Structures are given as structure tokens and as C-alpha cells.
Amino acid sequence: MAANVLNSPRAVQKGRITHMPGNIQDSVSTLLGKAVVLDTRTPFIYIGVLQGVDEFLFILEGADVHDMTASTTPKELYILEARRFGIQRSRHRVFVRADQVVSFSLLEEVILY
């Protein structure tokens, strides 16, 4: 399978998940078109509508790109506020390197407390 991924043309297409193992692709495909939170290895968090993903990139539309070093608000509180009040969009579309994403989840699955 790895050889197929390496030899196939790489294409990130809106609304598609490409070049991922079938079980992961099936799980992630249920998130397309929904608001997600991407936690990264960097001080940035990304909140937006997932439009596509492959082994290299996540594509979000209507996204909030937030640099946590520029804020006194803790990351969890910032995400909780996005859940309560909606996404504060700062980008029409953003491409996030997949190798920087530590975890991701649906915004609607953030637990309100």
C-alpha cells in the first residue's frame, strides 16, 4: 500500500480525502463539511470547516487561525469560547501541514462546562 501512495499523483481536492488507509479515510470522511479544531505542535490552533485532507495537508474554510502566544487566554478556554459563540473567522481558506497536527476533533464535541 505504501508504494501505491508514493507512486500515485498527489492531489488535494475540496471535499475529498486522498491517500490515507481505508479505515482512517472512512472515519475522517464523516468530518468533512463540519467545524473542527486542529491542535498543532506549534503555538497556533486552527478552527474551521474541514474541506479536505490528505497525508500532507488539512484544508479548512471559514477558519480562525489563532496564535496562542499573542493571547492571554488559555487554549482550552479559547476553544470553549469558539464552541459557545462560533468561529471568529480570519481566513477564507487555510492549508495546515498534517505533520504539525497533534489531534483534531469536531468543534461540536468540545464539552461545555
C-alpha atoms as a PDB file:
ATOM      1  CA  MET A   1       0.000   0.000   0.000  1.00  0.00           C
ATOM      2  CA  ALA A   2       2.812   2.450   0.810  1.00  0.00           C
ATOM      3  CA  ALA A   3       4.183   2.023  -2.696  1.00  0.00           C
ATOM      4  CA  ASN A   4       0.810   2.989  -4.165  1.00  0.00           C
ATOM      5  CA  VAL A   5       0.730   6.163  -2.092  1.00  0.00           C
ATOM      6  CA  LEU A   6       4.282   7.093  -3.027  1.00  0.00           C
ATOM      7  CA  ASN A   7       3.771   6.398  -6.724  1.00  0.00           C
ATOM      8  CA  SER A   8       0.366   7.995  -7.088  1.00  0.00           C
ATOM      9  CA  PRO A   9      -0.095  11.637  -8.055  1.00  0.00           C
ATOM     10  CA  ARG A  10      -0.759  13.788  -5.007  1.00  0.00           C
ATOM     11  CA  ALA A  11      -3.933  15.808  -5.233  1.00  0.00           C
ATOM     12  CA  VAL A  12      -5.721  17.727  -2.529  1.00  0.00           C
ATOM     13  CA  GLN A  13      -9.265  18.134  -3.675  1.00  0.00           C
ATOM     14  CA  LYS A  14     -12.006  20.025  -1.941  1.00  0.00           C
ATOM     15  CA  GLY A  15     -14.391  17.698  -0.187  1.00  0.00           C
ATOM     16  CA  ARG A  16     -12.128  14.675  -0.599  1.00  0.00           C
ATOM     17  CA  ILE A  17      -9.770  12.644   1.453  1.00  0.00           C
ATOM     18  CA  THR A  18      -6.946  11.155  -0.552  1.00  0.00           C
ATOM     19  CA  HIS A  19      -4.038   8.804   0.072  1.00  0.00           C
ATOM     20  CA  MET A  20      -4.997   7.566   3.533  1.00  0.00           C
ATOM     21  CA  PRO A  21      -5.501   3.999   4.753  1.00  0.00           C
ATOM     22  CA  GLY A  22      -9.126   2.950   4.264  1.00  0.00           C
ATOM     23  CA  ASN A  23     -10.127   2.730   7.922  1.00  0.00           C
ATOM     24  CA  ILE A  24      -8.731   6.209   8.692  1.00  0.00           C
ATOM     25  CA  GLN A  25     -10.218   7.631   5.496  1.00  0.00           C
ATOM     26  CA  ASP A  26     -13.662   6.269   6.378  1.00  0.00           C
ATOM     27  CA  SER A  27     -13.516   7.778   9.875  1.00  0.00           C
ATOM     28  CA  VAL A  28     -12.226  11.166   8.778  1.00  0.00           C
ATOM     29  CA  SER A  29     -14.636  11.415   5.837  1.00  0.00           C
ATOM     30  CA  THR A  30     -17.531  11.706   8.313  1.00  0.00           C
ATOM     31  CA  LEU A  31     -15.975  15.018   9.447  1.00  0.00           C
ATOM     32  CA  LEU A  32     -15.955  16.684   6.020  1.00  0.00           C
ATOM     33  CA  GLY A  33     -18.100  19.805   5.929  1.00  0.00           C
ATOM     34  CA  LYS A  34     -18.123  20.103   9.723  1.00  0.00           C
ATOM     35  CA  ALA A  35     -16.360  22.523  12.077  1.00  0.00           C
ATOM     36  CA  VAL A  36     -13.191  21.018  13.556  1.00  0.00           C
ATOM     37  CA  VAL A  37     -10.432  22.039  15.952  1.00  0.00           C
ATOM     38  CA  LEU A  38      -6.842  21.262  14.961  1.00  0.00           C
ATOM     39  CA  ASP A  39      -4.324  21.193  17.805  1.00  0.00           C
ATOM     40  CA  THR A  40      -0.794  21.559  16.481  1.00  0.00           C
ATOM     41  CA  ARG A  41       2.807  21.243  17.648  1.00  0.00           C
ATOM     42  CA  THR A  42       3.054  24.993  17.163  1.00  0.00           C
ATOM     43  CA  PRO A  43       1.519  27.814  19.231  1.00  0.00           C
ATOM     44  CA  PHE A  44      -1.243  28.030  16.598  1.00  0.00           C
ATOM     45  CA  ILE A  45      -4.667  26.454  16.790  1.00  0.00           C
ATOM     46  CA  TYR A  46      -6.999  26.212  13.839  1.00  0.00           C
ATOM     47  CA  ILE A  47     -10.780  26.117  13.989  1.00  0.00           C
ATOM     48  CA  GLY A  48     -12.764  25.861  10.758  1.00  0.00           C
ATOM     49  CA  VAL A  49     -14.823  23.735   8.429  1.00  0.00           C
ATOM     50  CA  LEU A  50     -12.917  20.702   7.171  1.00  0.00           C
ATOM     51  CA  GLN A  51     -12.986  20.626   3.370  1.00  0.00           C
ATOM     52  CA  GLY A  52     -10.260  18.116   2.597  1.00  0.00           C
ATOM     53  CA  VAL A  53      -7.313  16.220   3.994  1.00  0.00           C
ATOM     54  CA  ASP A  54      -4.508  14.024   2.771  1.00  0.00           C
ATOM     55  CA  GLU A  55      -1.227  12.801   4.238  1.00  0.00           C
ATOM     56  CA  PHE A  56       0.288  16.283   3.775  1.00  0.00           C
ATOM     57  CA  LEU A  57      -2.449  18.843   4.418  1.00  0.00           C
ATOM     58  CA  PHE A  58      -5.696  19.637   6.180  1.00  0.00           C
ATOM     59  CA  ILE A  59      -7.846  22.193   4.326  1.00  0.00           C
ATOM     60  CA  LEU A  60     -10.155  24.387   6.394  1.00  0.00           C
ATOM     61  CA  GLU A  61     -12.573  27.027   5.163  1.00  0.00           C
ATOM     62  CA  GLY A  62     -14.061  29.869   7.176  1.00  0.00           C
ATOM     63  CA  ALA A  63     -11.204  29.359   9.589  1.00  0.00           C
ATOM     64  CA  ASP A  64      -9.916  31.013  12.726  1.00  0.00           C
ATOM     65  CA  VAL A  65      -6.104  30.889  12.834  1.00  0.00           C
ATOM     66  CA  HIS A  66      -5.106  31.837  16.358  1.00  0.00           C
ATOM     67  CA  ASP A  67      -1.583  32.381  17.679  1.00  0.00           C
ATOM     68  CA  MET A  68      -1.694  31.469  21.364  1.00  0.00           C
ATOM     69  CA  THR A  69       1.464  33.499  22.067  1.00  0.00           C
ATOM     70  CA  ALA A  70      -0.469  36.655  21.161  1.00  0.00           C
ATOM     71  CA  SER A  71      -3.187  35.942  23.724  1.00  0.00           C
ATOM     72  CA  THR A  72      -3.522  35.646  27.471  1.00  0.00           C
ATOM     73  CA  THR A  73      -6.477  33.281  27.054  1.00  0.00           C
ATOM     74  CA  PRO A  74      -5.605  29.612  27.652  1.00  0.00           C
ATOM     75  CA  LYS A  75      -6.043  27.313  24.654  1.00  0.00           C
ATOM     76  CA  GLU A  76      -8.900  25.313  26.186  1.00  0.00           C
ATOM     77  CA  LEU A  77     -10.837  28.458  27.082  1.00  0.00           C
ATOM     78  CA  TYR A  78     -10.323  29.862  23.579  1.00  0.00           C
ATOM     79  CA  ILE A  79     -11.684  26.643  22.051  1.00  0.00           C
ATOM     80  CA  LEU A  80     -14.577  26.603  24.517  1.00  0.00           C
ATOM     81  CA  GLU A  81     -15.499  30.171  23.518  1.00  0.00           C
ATOM     82  CA  ALA A  82     -15.465  29.144  19.855  1.00  0.00           C
ATOM     83  CA  ARG A  83     -17.842  26.312  20.741  1.00  0.00           C
ATOM     84  CA  ARG A  84     -20.164  28.666  22.639  1.00  0.00           C
ATOM     85  CA  PHE A  85     -20.103  31.719  20.372  1.00  0.00           C
ATOM     86  CA  GLY A  86     -18.986  30.448  16.977  1.00  0.00           C
ATOM     87  CA  ILE A  87     -15.825  30.595  14.910  1.00  0.00           C
ATOM     88  CA  GLN A  88     -14.163  34.019  14.691  1.00  0.00           C
ATOM     89  CA  ARG A  89     -13.187  33.682  11.027  1.00  0.00           C
ATOM     90  CA  SER A  90      -9.892  35.238   9.996  1.00  0.00           C
ATOM     91  CA  ARG A  91      -9.264  33.231   6.789  1.00  0.00           C
ATOM     92  CA  HIS A  92     -11.465  32.178   3.892  1.00  0.00           C
ATOM     93  CA  ARG A  93      -9.296  29.107   3.483  1.00  0.00           C
ATOM     94  CA  VAL A  94      -6.175  27.781   5.168  1.00  0.00           C
ATOM     95  CA  PHE A  95      -3.887  24.834   4.459  1.00  0.00           C
ATOM     96  CA  VAL A  96      -2.404  23.236   7.579  1.00  0.00           C
ATOM     97  CA  ARG A  97       0.542  20.852   7.379  1.00  0.00           C
ATOM     98  CA  ALA A  98      -0.617  17.430   8.567  1.00  0.00           C
ATOM     99  CA  ASP A  99       2.756  16.686  10.168  1.00  0.00           C
ATOM    100  CA  GLN A 100       2.112  19.571  12.594  1.00  0.00           C
ATOM    101  CA  VAL A 101      -1.334  18.347  13.706  1.00  0.00           C
ATOM    102  CA  VAL A 102      -1.261  16.539  17.041  1.00  0.00           C
ATOM    103  CA  SER A 103      -5.005  15.931  17.306  1.00  0.00           C
ATOM    104  CA  PHE A 104      -8.280  17.051  15.847  1.00  0.00           C
ATOM    105  CA  SER A 105     -11.913  16.839  16.841  1.00  0.00           C
ATOM    106  CA  LEU A 106     -15.305  18.183  15.951  1.00  0.00           C
ATOM    107  CA  LEU A 107     -15.990  21.576  17.479  1.00  0.00           C
ATOM    108  CA  GLU A 108     -19.436  20.323  18.497  1.00  0.00           C
ATOM    109  CA  GLU A 109     -17.741  17.611  20.591  1.00  0.00           C
ATOM    110  CA  VAL A 110     -15.978  20.161  22.796  1.00  0.00           C
ATOM    111  CA  ILE A 111     -17.585  19.710  26.202  1.00  0.00           C
ATOM    112  CA  LEU A 112     -19.208  22.826  27.602  1.00  0.00           C
ATOM    113  CA  TYR A 113     -18.517  23.439  31.269  1.00  0.00           C
END
